[in-house]
Amino acid sequence: MLIFLSYIYNVTFQRFIGFGIVFDLSMAINYSSLNIND
């Protein structure tokens, strides 16, 4: 859960500095595949 909250914080920060939605989506896919067993 802590990893998930950290991810949400990072995504929010990246959007805030205009990092890009495509990058956020790719990261979300990676995190969901990594945390599928949690």
PDB file of N, CA and C in Angstrom:
ATOM      1  N   MET A   1       0.845  -1.208   0.000  1.00  0.00           N
ATOM      2  CA  MET A   1       0.000   0.000   0.000  1.00  0.00           C
ATOM      3  C   MET A   1       0.871   1.245   0.000  1.00  0.00           C
ATOM      4  N   LEU A   2       1.939   1.201   0.762  1.00  0.00           N
ATOM      5  CA  LEU A   2       2.838   2.349   0.826  1.00  0.00           C
ATOM      6  C   LEU A   2       3.484   2.607  -0.526  1.00  0.00           C
ATOM      7  N   ILE A   3       3.820   1.523  -1.231  1.00  0.00           N
ATOM      8  CA  ILE A   3       4.396   1.670  -2.571  1.00  0.00           C
ATOM      9  C   ILE A   3       3.380   2.321  -3.500  1.00  0.00           C
ATOM     10  N   PHE A   4       2.119   1.915  -3.385  1.00  0.00           N
ATOM     11  CA  PHE A   4       1.061   2.463  -4.228  1.00  0.00           C
ATOM     12  C   PHE A   4       0.882   3.948  -3.970  1.00  0.00           C
ATOM     13  N   LEU A   5       0.875   4.352  -2.703  1.00  0.00           N
ATOM     14  CA  LEU A   5       0.732   5.762  -2.357  1.00  0.00           C
ATOM     15  C   LEU A   5       1.917   6.569  -2.867  1.00  0.00           C
ATOM     16  N   SER A   6       3.095   5.982  -2.780  1.00  0.00           N
ATOM     17  CA  SER A   6       4.299   6.634  -3.285  1.00  0.00           C
ATOM     18  C   SER A   6       4.191   6.827  -4.793  1.00  0.00           C
ATOM     19  N   TYR A   7       3.649   5.812  -5.486  1.00  0.00           N
ATOM     20  CA  TYR A   7       3.465   5.895  -6.932  1.00  0.00           C
ATOM     21  C   TYR A   7       2.492   7.013  -7.298  1.00  0.00           C
ATOM     22  N   ILE A   8       1.367   7.081  -6.564  1.00  0.00           N
ATOM     23  CA  ILE A   8       0.378   8.128  -6.807  1.00  0.00           C
ATOM     24  C   ILE A   8       1.009   9.502  -6.624  1.00  0.00           C
ATOM     25  N   TYR A   9       1.811   9.649  -5.581  1.00  0.00           N
ATOM     26  CA  TYR A   9       2.501  10.921  -5.330  1.00  0.00           C
ATOM     27  C   TYR A   9       3.432  11.264  -6.492  1.00  0.00           C
ATOM     28  N   ASN A  10       4.181  10.260  -6.969  1.00  0.00           N
ATOM     29  CA  ASN A  10       5.118  10.495  -8.060  1.00  0.00           C
ATOM     30  C   ASN A  10       4.396  10.878  -9.347  1.00  0.00           C
ATOM     31  N   VAL A  11       3.290  10.187  -9.645  1.00  0.00           N
ATOM     32  CA  VAL A  11       2.515  10.498 -10.846  1.00  0.00           C
ATOM     33  C   VAL A  11       1.974  11.925 -10.771  1.00  0.00           C
ATOM     34  N   THR A  12       1.454  12.300  -9.606  1.00  0.00           N
ATOM     35  CA  THR A  12       0.920  13.648  -9.425  1.00  0.00           C
ATOM     36  C   THR A  12       2.006  14.687  -9.626  1.00  0.00           C
ATOM     37  N   PHE A  13       3.185  14.429  -9.071  1.00  0.00           N
ATOM     38  CA  PHE A  13       4.310  15.349  -9.204  1.00  0.00           C
ATOM     39  C   PHE A  13       4.755  15.456 -10.658  1.00  0.00           C
ATOM     40  N   GLN A  14       4.808  14.321 -11.352  1.00  0.00           N
ATOM     41  CA  GLN A  14       5.224  14.308 -12.746  1.00  0.00           C
ATOM     42  C   GLN A  14       4.237  15.084 -13.616  1.00  0.00           C
ATOM     43  N   ARG A  15       2.941  14.932 -13.341  1.00  0.00           N
ATOM     44  CA  ARG A  15       1.939  15.681 -14.098  1.00  0.00           C
ATOM     45  C   ARG A  15       2.086  17.171 -13.825  1.00  0.00           C
ATOM     46  N   PHE A  16       2.395  17.500 -12.559  1.00  0.00           N
ATOM     47  CA  PHE A  16       2.486  18.888 -12.152  1.00  0.00           C
ATOM     48  C   PHE A  16       3.614  19.602 -12.891  1.00  0.00           C
ATOM     49  N   ILE A  17       4.706  18.885 -13.142  1.00  0.00           N
ATOM     50  CA  ILE A  17       5.823  19.476 -13.879  1.00  0.00           C
ATOM     51  C   ILE A  17       5.706  19.196 -15.373  1.00  0.00           C
ATOM     52  N   GLY A  18       4.570  18.597 -15.766  1.00  0.00           N
ATOM     53  CA  GLY A  18       4.317  18.354 -17.187  1.00  0.00           C
ATOM     54  C   GLY A  18       5.151  17.226 -17.758  1.00  0.00           C
ATOM     55  N   PHE A  19       5.315  16.163 -17.002  1.00  0.00           N
ATOM     56  CA  PHE A  19       6.164  15.059 -17.467  1.00  0.00           C
ATOM     57  C   PHE A  19       5.509  14.291 -18.606  1.00  0.00           C
ATOM     58  N   GLY A  20       4.189  14.196 -18.575  1.00  0.00           N
ATOM     59  CA  GLY A  20       3.499  13.550 -19.697  1.00  0.00           C
ATOM     60  C   GLY A  20       2.574  12.420 -19.277  1.00  0.00           C
ATOM     61  N   ILE A  21       1.378  12.399 -19.868  1.00  0.00           N
ATOM     62  CA  ILE A  21       0.381  11.389 -19.517  1.00  0.00           C
ATOM     63  C   ILE A  21       0.783  10.009 -20.037  1.00  0.00           C
ATOM     64  N   VAL A  22       1.423   9.970 -21.199  1.00  0.00           N
ATOM     65  CA  VAL A  22       1.823   8.682 -21.775  1.00  0.00           C
ATOM     66  C   VAL A  22       2.793   7.966 -20.849  1.00  0.00           C
ATOM     67  N   PHE A  23       3.724   8.725 -20.261  1.00  0.00           N
ATOM     68  CA  PHE A  23       4.679   8.141 -19.319  1.00  0.00           C
ATOM     69  C   PHE A  23       3.944   7.631 -18.092  1.00  0.00           C
ATOM     70  N   ASP A  24       2.969   8.396 -17.605  1.00  0.00           N
ATOM     71  CA  ASP A  24       2.175   7.971 -16.444  1.00  0.00           C
ATOM     72  C   ASP A  24       1.450   6.658 -16.727  1.00  0.00           C
ATOM     73  N   LEU A  25       0.872   6.547 -17.925  1.00  0.00           N
ATOM     74  CA  LEU A  25       0.143   5.332 -18.273  1.00  0.00           C
ATOM     75  C   LEU A  25       1.081   4.131 -18.334  1.00  0.00           C
ATOM     76  N   SER A  26       2.257   4.312 -18.923  1.00  0.00           N
ATOM     77  CA  SER A  26       3.200   3.203 -19.022  1.00  0.00           C
ATOM     78  C   SER A  26       3.683   2.783 -17.640  1.00  0.00           C
ATOM     79  N   MET A  27       3.895   3.756 -16.755  1.00  0.00           N
ATOM     80  CA  MET A  27       4.309   3.450 -15.387  1.00  0.00           C
ATOM     81  C   MET A  27       3.194   2.729 -14.642  1.00  0.00           C
ATOM     82  N   ALA A  28       1.950   3.146 -14.867  1.00  0.00           N
ATOM     83  CA  ALA A  28       0.809   2.512 -14.208  1.00  0.00           C
ATOM     84  C   ALA A  28       0.717   1.039 -14.616  1.00  0.00           C
ATOM     85  N   ILE A  29       0.954   0.762 -15.886  1.00  0.00           N
ATOM     86  CA  ILE A  29       0.921  -0.620 -16.372  1.00  0.00           C
ATOM     87  C   ILE A  29       2.036  -1.433 -15.727  1.00  0.00           C
ATOM     88  N   ASN A  30       3.210  -0.830 -15.626  1.00  0.00           N
ATOM     89  CA  ASN A  30       4.348  -1.530 -15.015  1.00  0.00           C
ATOM     90  C   ASN A  30       4.085  -1.817 -13.542  1.00  0.00           C
ATOM     91  N   TYR A  31       3.563  -0.824 -12.819  1.00  0.00           N
ATOM     92  CA  TYR A  31       3.311  -1.001 -11.388  1.00  0.00           C
ATOM     93  C   TYR A  31       2.205  -2.018 -11.137  1.00  0.00           C
ATOM     94  N   SER A  32       1.160  -1.987 -11.953  1.00  0.00           N
ATOM     95  CA  SER A  32       0.067  -2.933 -11.746  1.00  0.00           C
ATOM     96  C   SER A  32       0.532  -4.359 -12.018  1.00  0.00           C
ATOM     97  N   SER A  33       1.449  -4.525 -12.973  1.00  0.00           N
ATOM     98  CA  SER A  33       1.954  -5.868 -13.264  1.00  0.00           C
ATOM     99  C   SER A  33       2.917  -6.333 -12.173  1.00  0.00           C
ATOM    100  N   LEU A  34       3.655  -5.389 -11.583  1.00  0.00           N
ATOM    101  CA  LEU A  34       4.592  -5.751 -10.518  1.00  0.00           C
ATOM    102  C   LEU A  34       3.862  -6.066  -9.218  1.00  0.00           C
ATOM    103  N   ASN A  35       2.761  -5.361  -8.958  1.00  0.00           N
ATOM    104  CA  ASN A  35       2.071  -5.483  -7.675  1.00  0.00           C
ATOM    105  C   ASN A  35       0.824  -6.363  -7.750  1.00  0.00           C
ATOM    106  N   ILE A  36       0.704  -7.144  -8.804  1.00  0.00           N
ATOM    107  CA  ILE A  36      -0.501  -7.952  -9.001  1.00  0.00           C
ATOM    108  C   ILE A  36      -0.658  -8.995  -7.908  1.00  0.00           C
ATOM    109  N   ASN A  37       0.447  -9.376  -7.255  1.00  0.00           N
ATOM    110  CA  ASN A  37       0.396 -10.411  -6.217  1.00  0.00           C
ATOM    111  C   ASN A  37       0.193  -9.846  -4.822  1.00  0.00           C
ATOM    112  N   ASP A  38       0.277  -8.550  -4.669  1.00  0.00           N
ATOM    113  CA  ASP A  38       0.171  -7.947  -3.333  1.00  0.00           C
ATOM    114  C   ASP A  38      -1.258  -7.979  -2.821  1.00  0.00           C
TER     115      ASP A  38
END
